[in-house]
Structure formats: C-alpha cells, structure tokens
PDB file of N, CA and C in Angstrom:
ATOM      1  N   MET A   1     236.366  16.709 190.783  1.00  0.00           N
ATOM      2  CA  MET A   1     237.652  17.047 190.188  1.00  0.00           C
ATOM      3  C   MET A   1     237.391  17.595 188.766  1.00  0.00           C
ATOM      4  N   THR A   2     236.399  17.088 188.058  1.00  0.00           N
ATOM      5  CA  THR A   2     236.168  17.519 186.725  1.00  0.00           C
ATOM      6  C   THR A   2     235.808  18.985 186.636  1.00  0.00           C
ATOM      7  N   GLU A   3     234.971  19.451 187.576  1.00  0.00           N
ATOM      8  CA  GLU A   3     234.560  20.848 187.595  1.00  0.00           C
ATOM      9  C   GLU A   3     235.774  21.745 187.864  1.00  0.00           C
ATOM     10  N   TYR A   4     236.623  21.369 188.794  1.00  0.00           N
ATOM     11  CA  TYR A   4     237.829  22.172 189.043  1.00  0.00           C
ATOM     12  C   TYR A   4     238.741  22.190 187.821  1.00  0.00           C
ATOM     13  N   ALA A   5     238.952  21.018 187.263  1.00  0.00           N
ATOM     14  CA  ALA A   5     239.841  20.928 186.065  1.00  0.00           C
ATOM     15  C   ALA A   5     239.333  21.829 184.955  1.00  0.00           C
ATOM     16  N   SER A   6     238.060  21.892 184.727  1.00  0.00           N
ATOM     17  CA  SER A   6     237.503  22.762 183.686  1.00  0.00           C
ATOM     18  C   SER A   6     237.715  24.226 184.064  1.00  0.00           C
ATOM     19  N   ARG A   7     237.514  24.572 185.305  1.00  0.00           N
ATOM     20  CA  ARG A   7     237.756  25.925 185.762  1.00  0.00           C
ATOM     21  C   ARG A   7     239.214  26.339 185.610  1.00  0.00           C
ATOM     22  N   PHE A   8     240.116  25.497 185.955  1.00  0.00           N
ATOM     23  CA  PHE A   8     241.530  25.825 185.888  1.00  0.00           C
ATOM     24  C   PHE A   8     242.020  25.796 184.443  1.00  0.00           C
ATOM     25  N   ALA A   9     241.421  25.013 183.583  1.00  0.00           N
ATOM     26  CA  ALA A   9     241.777  25.045 182.144  1.00  0.00           C
ATOM     27  C   ALA A   9     241.376  26.370 181.576  1.00  0.00           C
ATOM     28  N   ARG A  10     240.217  26.937 181.926  1.00  0.00           N
ATOM     29  CA  ARG A  10     239.802  28.240 181.470  1.00  0.00           C
ATOM     30  C   ARG A  10     240.778  29.319 181.975  1.00  0.00           C
ATOM     31  N   MET A  11     241.205  29.204 183.232  1.00  0.00           N
ATOM     32  CA  MET A  11     242.145  30.159 183.801  1.00  0.00           C
ATOM     33  C   MET A  11     243.491  30.060 183.090  1.00  0.00           C
ATOM     34  N   GLN A  12     243.859  28.848 182.752  1.00  0.00           N
ATOM     35  CA  GLN A  12     245.150  28.627 182.016  1.00  0.00           C
ATOM     36  C   GLN A  12     245.095  29.331 180.672  1.00  0.00           C
ATOM     37  N   ARG A  13     243.999  29.191 179.970  1.00  0.00           N
ATOM     38  CA  ARG A  13     243.874  29.809 178.635  1.00  0.00           C
ATOM     39  C   ARG A  13     243.791  31.358 178.731  1.00  0.00           C
ATOM     40  N   SER A  14     243.228  31.822 179.809  1.00  0.00           N
ATOM     41  CA  SER A  14     243.034  33.302 179.946  1.00  0.00           C
ATOM     42  C   SER A  14     244.320  34.028 180.380  1.00  0.00           C
ATOM     43  N   GLY A  15     245.265  33.273 180.917  1.00  0.00           N
ATOM     44  CA  GLY A  15     246.469  33.944 181.460  1.00  0.00           C
ATOM     45  C   GLY A  15     246.291  34.500 182.824  1.00  0.00           C
ATOM     46  N   GLU A  16     245.153  34.186 183.463  1.00  0.00           N
ATOM     47  CA  GLU A  16     244.815  34.708 184.767  1.00  0.00           C
ATOM     48  C   GLU A  16     245.885  34.278 185.812  1.00  0.00           C
ATOM     49  N   ARG A  17     246.124  35.166 186.753  1.00  0.00           N
ATOM     50  CA  ARG A  17     247.042  34.890 187.910  1.00  0.00           C
ATOM     51  C   ARG A  17     246.199  34.523 189.070  1.00  0.00           C
ATOM     52  N   VAL A  18     246.805  33.696 189.987  1.00  0.00           N
ATOM     53  CA  VAL A  18     246.052  33.239 191.180  1.00  0.00           C
ATOM     54  C   VAL A  18     246.871  33.614 192.410  1.00  0.00           C
ATOM     55  N   VAL A  19     246.129  34.195 193.350  1.00  0.00           N
ATOM     56  CA  VAL A  19     246.668  34.487 194.690  1.00  0.00           C
ATOM     57  C   VAL A  19     246.007  33.511 195.641  1.00  0.00           C
ATOM     58  N   ILE A  20     246.842  32.737 196.337  1.00  0.00           N
ATOM     59  CA  ILE A  20     246.297  31.843 197.364  1.00  0.00           C
ATOM     60  C   ILE A  20     246.481  32.519 198.703  1.00  0.00           C
ATOM     61  N   ASP A  21     245.376  32.928 199.280  1.00  0.00           N
ATOM     62  CA  ASP A  21     245.363  33.693 200.543  1.00  0.00           C
ATOM     63  C   ASP A  21     244.354  33.067 201.517  1.00  0.00           C
ATOM     64  N   GLY A  22     244.721  31.900 202.018  1.00  0.00           N
ATOM     65  CA  GLY A  22     243.825  31.173 202.885  1.00  0.00           C
ATOM     66  C   GLY A  22     243.853  29.709 202.423  1.00  0.00           C
ATOM     67  N   GLY A  23     242.765  29.024 202.727  1.00  0.00           N
ATOM     68  CA  GLY A  23     242.734  27.576 202.435  1.00  0.00           C
ATOM     69  C   GLY A  23     242.438  27.230 200.988  1.00  0.00           C
ATOM     70  N   CYS A  24     243.225  26.337 200.457  1.00  0.00           N
ATOM     71  CA  CYS A  24     243.009  25.755 199.113  1.00  0.00           C
ATOM     72  C   CYS A  24     243.099  24.247 199.313  1.00  0.00           C
ATOM     73  N   TYR A  25     241.984  23.608 199.476  1.00  0.00           N
ATOM     74  CA  TYR A  25     241.964  22.185 199.874  1.00  0.00           C
ATOM     75  C   TYR A  25     241.347  21.325 198.741  1.00  0.00           C
ATOM     76  N   SER A  26     241.749  20.043 198.774  1.00  0.00           N
ATOM     77  CA  SER A  26     241.123  19.055 197.934  1.00  0.00           C
ATOM     78  C   SER A  26     241.372  19.374 196.472  1.00  0.00           C
ATOM     79  N   ALA A  27     240.334  19.323 195.666  1.00  0.00           N
ATOM     80  CA  ALA A  27     240.485  19.548 194.193  1.00  0.00           C
ATOM     81  C   ALA A  27     240.996  20.944 193.870  1.00  0.00           C
ATOM     82  N   CYS A  28     240.911  21.915 194.794  1.00  0.00           N
ATOM     83  CA  CYS A  28     241.489  23.249 194.537  1.00  0.00           C
ATOM     84  C   CYS A  28     242.990  23.139 194.277  1.00  0.00           C
ATOM     85  N   THR A  29     243.661  22.169 194.914  1.00  0.00           N
ATOM     86  CA  THR A  29     245.090  22.064 194.738  1.00  0.00           C
ATOM     87  C   THR A  29     245.544  21.656 193.331  1.00  0.00           C
ATOM     88  N   MET A  30     244.582  21.201 192.529  1.00  0.00           N
ATOM     89  CA  MET A  30     244.874  20.859 191.109  1.00  0.00           C
ATOM     90  C   MET A  30     245.442  22.082 190.362  1.00  0.00           C
ATOM     91  N   LEU A  31     245.117  23.245 190.818  1.00  0.00           N
ATOM     92  CA  LEU A  31     245.616  24.444 190.088  1.00  0.00           C
ATOM     93  C   LEU A  31     247.167  24.445 190.060  1.00  0.00           C
ATOM     94  N   LEU A  32     247.802  23.842 191.029  1.00  0.00           N
ATOM     95  CA  LEU A  32     249.249  23.828 191.096  1.00  0.00           C
ATOM     96  C   LEU A  32     249.871  23.199 189.876  1.00  0.00           C
ATOM     97  N   GLY A  33     249.178  22.201 189.291  1.00  0.00           N
ATOM     98  CA  GLY A  33     249.713  21.532 188.103  1.00  0.00           C
ATOM     99  C   GLY A  33     249.131  22.066 186.821  1.00  0.00           C
ATOM    100  N   MET A  34     248.034  22.787 186.917  1.00  0.00           N
ATOM    101  CA  MET A  34     247.340  23.220 185.710  1.00  0.00           C
ATOM    102  C   MET A  34     247.737  24.623 185.285  1.00  0.00           C
ATOM    103  N   LEU A  35     248.306  25.409 186.253  1.00  0.00           N
ATOM    104  CA  LEU A  35     248.786  26.758 185.937  1.00  0.00           C
ATOM    105  C   LEU A  35     250.306  26.771 186.162  1.00  0.00           C
ATOM    106  N   SER A  36     250.993  27.490 185.382  1.00  0.00           N
ATOM    107  CA  SER A  36     252.431  27.595 185.591  1.00  0.00           C
ATOM    108  C   SER A  36     252.733  28.286 186.893  1.00  0.00           C
ATOM    109  N   SER A  37     253.816  27.878 187.518  1.00  0.00           N
ATOM    110  CA  SER A  37     254.099  28.429 188.841  1.00  0.00           C
ATOM    111  C   SER A  37     254.334  29.931 188.876  1.00  0.00           C
ATOM    112  N   ASP A  38     254.720  30.532 187.737  1.00  0.00           N
ATOM    113  CA  ASP A  38     254.890  31.988 187.693  1.00  0.00           C
ATOM    114  C   ASP A  38     253.560  32.721 187.742  1.00  0.00           C
ATOM    115  N   ARG A  39     252.451  31.991 187.627  1.00  0.00           N
ATOM    116  CA  ARG A  39     251.130  32.607 187.701  1.00  0.00           C
ATOM    117  C   ARG A  39     250.440  32.346 189.023  1.00  0.00           C
ATOM    118  N   VAL A  40     251.167  31.776 189.958  1.00  0.00           N
ATOM    119  CA  VAL A  40     250.594  31.436 191.270  1.00  0.00           C
ATOM    120  C   VAL A  40     251.488  32.079 192.347  1.00  0.00           C
ATOM    121  N   CYS A  41     250.906  32.756 193.309  1.00  0.00           N
ATOM    122  CA  CYS A  41     251.606  33.250 194.424  1.00  0.00           C
ATOM    123  C   CYS A  41     250.799  32.948 195.691  1.00  0.00           C
ATOM    124  N   VAL A  42     251.558  32.954 196.805  1.00  0.00           N
ATOM    125  CA  VAL A  42     250.949  32.609 198.114  1.00  0.00           C
ATOM    126  C   VAL A  42     251.180  33.714 199.104  1.00  0.00           C
ATOM    127  N   THR A  43     250.260  33.919 200.017  1.00  0.00           N
ATOM    128  CA  THR A  43     250.437  34.847 201.108  1.00  0.00           C
ATOM    129  C   THR A  43     250.824  34.079 202.366  1.00  0.00           C
ATOM    130  N   PRO A  44     251.170  34.737 203.427  1.00  0.00           N
ATOM    131  CA  PRO A  44     251.452  34.025 204.666  1.00  0.00           C
ATOM    132  C   PRO A  44     250.237  33.272 205.214  1.00  0.00           C
ATOM    133  N   ASN A  45     249.054  33.614 204.764  1.00  0.00           N
ATOM    134  CA  ASN A  45     247.831  32.904 205.216  1.00  0.00           C
ATOM    135  C   ASN A  45     247.562  31.637 204.398  1.00  0.00           C
ATOM    136  N   ALA A  46     248.277  31.417 203.342  1.00  0.00           N
ATOM    137  CA  ALA A  46     247.972  30.290 202.459  1.00  0.00           C
ATOM    138  C   ALA A  46     248.219  28.951 203.135  1.00  0.00           C
ATOM    139  N   VAL A  47     247.281  28.033 202.892  1.00  0.00           N
ATOM    140  CA  VAL A  47     247.378  26.644 203.384  1.00  0.00           C
ATOM    141  C   VAL A  47     246.822  25.793 202.248  1.00  0.00           C
ATOM    142  N   LEU A  48     247.612  24.789 201.844  1.00  0.00           N
ATOM    143  CA  LEU A  48     247.167  23.823 200.852  1.00  0.00           C
ATOM    144  C   LEU A  48     246.877  22.502 201.599  1.00  0.00           C
ATOM    145  N   GLY A  49     245.744  21.883 201.221  1.00  0.00           N
ATOM    146  CA  GLY A  49     245.325  20.648 201.862  1.00  0.00           C
ATOM    147  C   GLY A  49     245.133  19.555 200.812  1.00  0.00           C
ATOM    148  N   PHE A  50     245.836  18.461 200.949  1.00  0.00           N
ATOM    149  CA  PHE A  50     245.845  17.371 200.007  1.00  0.00           C
ATOM    150  C   PHE A  50     245.253  16.096 200.624  1.00  0.00           C
ATOM    151  N   HIS A  51     244.493  15.355 199.876  1.00  0.00           N
ATOM    152  CA  HIS A  51     244.003  14.035 200.324  1.00  0.00           C
ATOM    153  C   HIS A  51     243.712  13.174 199.095  1.00  0.00           C
ATOM    154  N   ALA A  52     243.537  11.910 199.321  1.00  0.00           N
ATOM    155  CA  ALA A  52     243.220  10.931 198.242  1.00  0.00           C
ATOM    156  C   ALA A  52     241.866  11.288 197.690  1.00  0.00           C
ATOM    157  N   ALA A  53     241.669  11.011 196.407  1.00  0.00           N
ATOM    158  CA  ALA A  53     240.353  11.184 195.780  1.00  0.00           C
ATOM    159  C   ALA A  53     239.406  10.135 196.309  1.00  0.00           C
ATOM    160  N   TRP A  54     238.130  10.443 196.355  1.00  0.00           N
ATOM    161  CA  TRP A  54     237.161   9.473 196.840  1.00  0.00           C
ATOM    162  C   TRP A  54     235.900   9.487 196.012  1.00  0.00           C
ATOM    163  N   SER A  55     235.133   8.501 196.181  1.00  0.00           N
ATOM    164  CA  SER A  55     233.803   8.383 195.545  1.00  0.00           C
ATOM    165  C   SER A  55     232.894   7.623 196.498  1.00  0.00           C
ATOM    166  N   PHE A  56     231.640   7.446 196.112  1.00  0.00           N
ATOM    167  CA  PHE A  56     230.697   6.726 196.982  1.00  0.00           C
ATOM    168  C   PHE A  56     230.578   5.291 196.439  1.00  0.00           C
ATOM    169  N   ASN A  57     230.521   4.321 197.349  1.00  0.00           N
ATOM    170  CA  ASN A  57     230.270   2.920 196.957  1.00  0.00           C
ATOM    171  C   ASN A  57     228.778   2.714 196.888  1.00  0.00           C
ATOM    172  N   GLU A  58     228.406   1.431 196.605  1.00  0.00           N
ATOM    173  CA  GLU A  58     226.976   1.046 196.443  1.00  0.00           C
ATOM    174  C   GLU A  58     226.178   1.325 197.707  1.00  0.00           C
ATOM    175  N   ALA A  59     226.820   1.313 198.870  1.00  0.00           N
ATOM    176  CA  ALA A  59     226.128   1.543 200.137  1.00  0.00           C
ATOM    177  C   ALA A  59     226.100   3.004 200.520  1.00  0.00           C
ATOM    178  N   GLY A  60     226.656   3.842 199.645  1.00  0.00           N
ATOM    179  CA  GLY A  60     226.656   5.274 199.884  1.00  0.00           C
ATOM    180  C   GLY A  60     227.769   5.746 200.803  1.00  0.00           C
ATOM    181  N   GLN A  61     228.739   4.896 201.018  1.00  0.00           N
ATOM    182  CA  GLN A  61     229.872   5.241 201.859  1.00  0.00           C
ATOM    183  C   GLN A  61     230.983   5.846 201.020  1.00  0.00           C
ATOM    184  N   ARG A  62     231.698   6.770 201.623  1.00  0.00           N
ATOM    185  CA  ARG A  62     232.850   7.363 200.922  1.00  0.00           C
ATOM    186  C   ARG A  62     234.049   6.387 200.961  1.00  0.00           C
ATOM    187  N   VAL A  63     234.587   6.074 199.778  1.00  0.00           N
ATOM    188  CA  VAL A  63     235.751   5.165 199.661  1.00  0.00           C
ATOM    189  C   VAL A  63     236.776   5.795 198.806  1.00  0.00           C
ATOM    190  N   THR A  64     238.061   5.473 199.044  1.00  0.00           N
ATOM    191  CA  THR A  64     239.153   5.999 198.269  1.00  0.00           C
ATOM    192  C   THR A  64     239.025   5.458 196.832  1.00  0.00           C
ATOM    193  N   ASN A  65     239.205   6.337 195.867  1.00  0.00           N
ATOM    194  CA  ASN A  65     239.180   5.948 194.467  1.00  0.00           C
ATOM    195  C   ASN A  65     240.601   5.950 193.967  1.00  0.00           C
ATOM    196  N   ALA A  66     241.189   4.786 193.781  1.00  0.00           N
ATOM    197  CA  ALA A  66     242.612   4.660 193.411  1.00  0.00           C
ATOM    198  C   ALA A  66     242.913   5.302 192.052  1.00  0.00           C
ATOM    199  N   SER A  67     242.085   5.085 191.120  1.00  0.00           N
ATOM    200  CA  SER A  67     242.297   5.633 189.776  1.00  0.00           C
ATOM    201  C   SER A  67     242.256   7.154 189.779  1.00  0.00           C
ATOM    202  N   ALA A  68     241.277   7.714 190.453  1.00  0.00           N
ATOM    203  CA  ALA A  68     241.167   9.172 190.518  1.00  0.00           C
ATOM    204  C   ALA A  68     242.301   9.747 191.346  1.00  0.00           C
ATOM    205  N   THR A  69     242.778   9.023 192.332  1.00  0.00           N
ATOM    206  CA  THR A  69     243.898   9.497 193.151  1.00  0.00           C
ATOM    207  C   THR A  69     245.132   9.524 192.307  1.00  0.00           C
ATOM    208  N   ARG A  70     245.346   8.528 191.459  1.00  0.00           N
ATOM    209  CA  ARG A  70     246.521   8.489 190.545  1.00  0.00           C
ATOM    210  C   ARG A  70     246.451   9.716 189.586  1.00  0.00           C
ATOM    211  N   THR A  71     245.252   9.977 189.057  1.00  0.00           N
ATOM    212  CA  THR A  71     245.069  11.117 188.177  1.00  0.00           C
ATOM    213  C   THR A  71     245.403  12.391 188.889  1.00  0.00           C
ATOM    214  N   LEU A  72     244.931  12.509 190.096  1.00  0.00           N
ATOM    215  CA  LEU A  72     245.214  13.720 190.913  1.00  0.00           C
ATOM    216  C   LEU A  72     246.730  13.874 191.126  1.00  0.00           C
ATOM    217  N   ILE A  73     247.414  12.839 191.491  1.00  0.00           N
ATOM    218  CA  ILE A  73     248.859  12.943 191.724  1.00  0.00           C
ATOM    219  C   ILE A  73     249.552  13.313 190.426  1.00  0.00           C
ATOM    220  N   ASP A  74     249.144  12.732 189.303  1.00  0.00           N
ATOM    221  CA  ASP A  74     249.766  13.058 188.044  1.00  0.00           C
ATOM    222  C   ASP A  74     249.525  14.490 187.624  1.00  0.00           C
ATOM    223  N   THR A  75     248.544  15.138 188.161  1.00  0.00           N
ATOM    224  CA  THR A  75     248.258  16.547 187.846  1.00  0.00           C
ATOM    225  C   THR A  75     249.277  17.473 188.525  1.00  0.00           C
ATOM    226  N   TYR A  76     249.798  17.123 189.664  1.00  0.00           N
ATOM    227  CA  TYR A  76     250.738  17.940 190.399  1.00  0.00           C
ATOM    228  C   TYR A  76     252.094  18.058 189.782  1.00  0.00           C
ATOM    229  N   PRO A  77     252.740  19.216 189.962  1.00  0.00           N
ATOM    230  CA  PRO A  77     254.116  19.370 189.487  1.00  0.00           C
ATOM    231  C   PRO A  77     255.062  18.487 190.316  1.00  0.00           C
ATOM    232  N   PRO A  78     256.243  18.211 189.713  1.00  0.00           N
ATOM    233  CA  PRO A  78     257.195  17.300 190.393  1.00  0.00           C
ATOM    234  C   PRO A  78     257.505  17.641 191.862  1.00  0.00           C
ATOM    235  N   HIS A  79     257.674  18.928 192.202  1.00  0.00           N
ATOM    236  CA  HIS A  79     258.044  19.299 193.570  1.00  0.00           C
ATOM    237  C   HIS A  79     256.910  19.024 194.566  1.00  0.00           C
ATOM    238  N   ILE A  80     255.674  19.119 194.093  1.00  0.00           N
ATOM    239  CA  ILE A  80     254.536  18.775 194.960  1.00  0.00           C
ATOM    240  C   ILE A  80     254.441  17.243 195.122  1.00  0.00           C
ATOM    241  N   ARG A  81     254.632  16.521 194.001  1.00  0.00           N
ATOM    242  CA  ARG A  81     254.635  15.045 194.083  1.00  0.00           C
ATOM    243  C   ARG A  81     255.697  14.550 195.043  1.00  0.00           C
ATOM    244  N   ALA A  82     256.870  15.143 194.974  1.00  0.00           N
ATOM    245  CA  ALA A  82     258.004  14.781 195.842  1.00  0.00           C
ATOM    246  C   ALA A  82     257.651  15.070 197.360  1.00  0.00           C
ATOM    247  N   TRP A  83     257.065  16.235 197.578  1.00  0.00           N
ATOM    248  CA  TRP A  83     256.646  16.556 198.963  1.00  0.00           C
ATOM    249  C   TRP A  83     255.615  15.536 199.466  1.00  0.00           C
ATOM    250  N   LEU A  84     254.629  15.264 198.640  1.00  0.00           N
ATOM    251  CA  LEU A  84     253.604  14.244 199.011  1.00  0.00           C
ATOM    252  C   LEU A  84     254.246  12.908 199.282  1.00  0.00           C
ATOM    253  N   ALA A  85     255.156  12.454 198.443  1.00  0.00           N
ATOM    254  CA  ALA A  85     255.857  11.155 198.663  1.00  0.00           C
ATOM    255  C   ALA A  85     256.580  11.159 200.011  1.00  0.00           C
ATOM    256  N   ARG A  86     257.291  12.264 200.284  1.00  0.00           N
ATOM    257  CA  ARG A  86     258.001  12.367 201.570  1.00  0.00           C
ATOM    258  C   ARG A  86     257.009  12.419 202.758  1.00  0.00           C
ATOM    259  N   SER A  87     255.816  12.852 202.479  1.00  0.00           N
ATOM    260  CA  SER A  87     254.793  12.957 203.535  1.00  0.00           C
ATOM    261  C   SER A  87     253.893  11.751 203.657  1.00  0.00           C
ATOM    262  N   GLY A  88     254.221  10.718 202.909  1.00  0.00           N
ATOM    263  CA  GLY A  88     253.454   9.452 203.006  1.00  0.00           C
ATOM    264  C   GLY A  88     252.445   9.255 201.864  1.00  0.00           C
ATOM    265  N   GLY A  89     252.410  10.119 200.939  1.00  0.00           N
ATOM    266  CA  GLY A  89     251.471  10.018 199.782  1.00  0.00           C
ATOM    267  C   GLY A  89     250.065  10.500 200.143  1.00  0.00           C
ATOM    268  N   LEU A  90     249.200  10.395 199.169  1.00  0.00           N
ATOM    269  CA  LEU A  90     247.834  10.814 199.418  1.00  0.00           C
ATOM    270  C   LEU A  90     247.081   9.743 200.140  1.00  0.00           C
ATOM    271  N   SER A  91     246.296  10.104 201.133  1.00  0.00           N
ATOM    272  CA  SER A  91     245.535   9.181 201.936  1.00  0.00           C
ATOM    273  C   SER A  91     244.210   9.854 202.262  1.00  0.00           C
ATOM    274  N   PRO A  92     243.278   9.174 202.937  1.00  0.00           N
ATOM    275  CA  PRO A  92     242.020   9.809 203.306  1.00  0.00           C
ATOM    276  C   PRO A  92     242.216  10.982 204.257  1.00  0.00           C
ATOM    277  N   GLN A  93     243.329  11.019 204.989  1.00  0.00           N
ATOM    278  CA  GLN A  93     243.604  12.119 205.912  1.00  0.00           C
ATOM    279  C   GLN A  93     244.268  13.275 205.183  1.00  0.00           C
ATOM    280  N   MET A  94     243.816  14.461 205.494  1.00  0.00           N
ATOM    281  CA  MET A  94     244.325  15.657 204.874  1.00  0.00           C
ATOM    282  C   MET A  94     245.780  15.931 205.330  1.00  0.00           C
ATOM    283  N   LYS A  95     246.618  16.256 204.342  1.00  0.00           N
ATOM    284  CA  LYS A  95     247.990  16.694 204.637  1.00  0.00           C
ATOM    285  C   LYS A  95     248.095  18.118 204.248  1.00  0.00           C
ATOM    286  N   PHE A  96     248.703  18.951 205.103  1.00  0.00           N
ATOM    287  CA  PHE A  96     248.713  20.350 204.936  1.00  0.00           C
ATOM    288  C   PHE A  96     250.153  20.883 204.575  1.00  0.00           C
ATOM    289  N   LEU A  97     250.211  21.774 203.622  1.00  0.00           N
ATOM    290  CA  LEU A  97     251.448  22.443 203.240  1.00  0.00           C
ATOM    291  C   LEU A  97     251.234  23.924 203.478  1.00  0.00           C
ATOM    292  N   ARG A  98     252.093  24.512 204.272  1.00  0.00           N
ATOM    293  CA  ARG A  98     251.942  25.917 204.631  1.00  0.00           C
ATOM    294  C   ARG A  98     253.262  26.495 205.124  1.00  0.00           C
ATOM    295  N   GLY A  99     253.240  27.753 205.449  1.00  0.00           N
ATOM    296  CA  GLY A  99     254.396  28.405 206.032  1.00  0.00           C
ATOM    297  C   GLY A  99     255.629  28.429 205.163  1.00  0.00           C
ATOM    298  N   GLN A 100     256.775  28.252 205.834  1.00  0.00           N
ATOM    299  CA  GLN A 100     258.087  28.308 205.140  1.00  0.00           C
ATOM    300  C   GLN A 100     258.210  27.288 204.043  1.00  0.00           C
ATOM    301  N   LYS A 101     257.701  26.084 204.302  1.00  0.00           N
ATOM    302  CA  LYS A 101     257.823  25.023 203.280  1.00  0.00           C
ATOM    303  C   LYS A 101     257.073  25.437 202.031  1.00  0.00           C
ATOM    304  N   LEU A 102     255.892  25.967 202.172  1.00  0.00           N
ATOM    305  CA  LEU A 102     255.099  26.384 201.005  1.00  0.00           C
ATOM    306  C   LEU A 102     255.818  27.586 200.352  1.00  0.00           C
ATOM    307  N   ALA A 103     256.275  28.564 201.148  1.00  0.00           N
ATOM    308  CA  ALA A 103     256.966  29.726 200.636  1.00  0.00           C
ATOM    309  C   ALA A 103     258.240  29.365 199.877  1.00  0.00           C
ATOM    310  N   SER A 104     258.817  28.215 200.201  1.00  0.00           N
ATOM    311  CA  SER A 104     260.066  27.776 199.486  1.00  0.00           C
ATOM    312  C   SER A 104     259.707  27.236 198.092  1.00  0.00           C
ATOM    313  N   MET A 105     258.421  26.905 197.891  1.00  0.00           N
ATOM    314  CA  MET A 105     257.994  26.301 196.639  1.00  0.00           C
ATOM    315  C   MET A 105     257.324  27.292 195.684  1.00  0.00           C
ATOM    316  N   TYR A 106     256.650  28.308 196.260  1.00  0.00           N
ATOM    317  CA  TYR A 106     255.915  29.287 195.466  1.00  0.00           C
ATOM    318  C   TYR A 106     256.257  30.658 195.960  1.00  0.00           C
ATOM    319  N   ARG A 107     256.252  31.603 195.022  1.00  0.00           N
ATOM    320  CA  ARG A 107     256.633  32.947 195.369  1.00  0.00           C
ATOM    321  C   ARG A 107     255.561  33.593 196.245  1.00  0.00           C
ATOM    322  N   LEU A 108     256.055  34.491 197.110  1.00  0.00           N
ATOM    323  CA  LEU A 108     255.130  35.254 197.957  1.00  0.00           C
ATOM    324  C   LEU A 108     254.492  36.359 197.128  1.00  0.00           C
ATOM    325  N   CYS A 109     253.222  36.617 197.361  1.00  0.00           N
ATOM    326  CA  CYS A 109     252.511  37.698 196.669  1.00  0.00           C
ATOM    327  C   CYS A 109     253.047  39.013 197.234  1.00  0.00           C
ATOM    328  N   ARG A 110     253.025  39.992 196.376  1.00  0.00           N
ATOM    329  CA  ARG A 110     253.434  41.359 196.760  1.00  0.00           C
ATOM    330  C   ARG A 110     252.237  42.186 197.063  1.00  0.00           C
TER     331      ARG A 110
END
C-alpha cells in the first residue's frame, strides 16, 4: 500500500489524469481517494477490485490486517465507502465494481 500511496501522491501533485481501462485491483484502487474524481475516467473495460488488506503472520500465512484495512477504507471517497458497506465491506474475497454501477460513479473517458 505504501508504494501505491507514494505513486498516487506524485500523480496528485503533478495534476496527471488517469484512465482506467481494464483491471485496477487491490492497492490500485487507492487512487480513487487520492486523486480528485475529475481527474479519473473509466472505459467500458474498467473493473475495480477491492479486498481487505493483508500481511503475513509468523508462520508465513496471509492474514487480514485490520489496521491496514481501516486505513484503506479511510482512503476511499464517501461514495466508494458507501458501495463497499452495501456490498458487505472489505473481506479477503475480492469485490468487483464495473459496468453501469461504476459508470454512475465516474465519468466515461472520451
């Protein structure tokens, strides 16, 4: 998450625009909260994938990291947080946002 946050902070400062044309999964979705929505557009191919943050435990197994998941949720804009809440919140299973629902939240690229 830290690497993506740094990348999106640079993009935020530069004024760069983002076209989502395909899969944007996991930490990639942080851009939704780090860039203003007028600088993000989606194509009909865009798919956003959300899941809980995770880390490795002492045994090397992947486990949900509650603190990092809270940080991730706090990064998202209110309309994404609301959609996630209606969809059961962040969990280890990926939740996908695409199609008409996504197009109702972000402008379509020209």
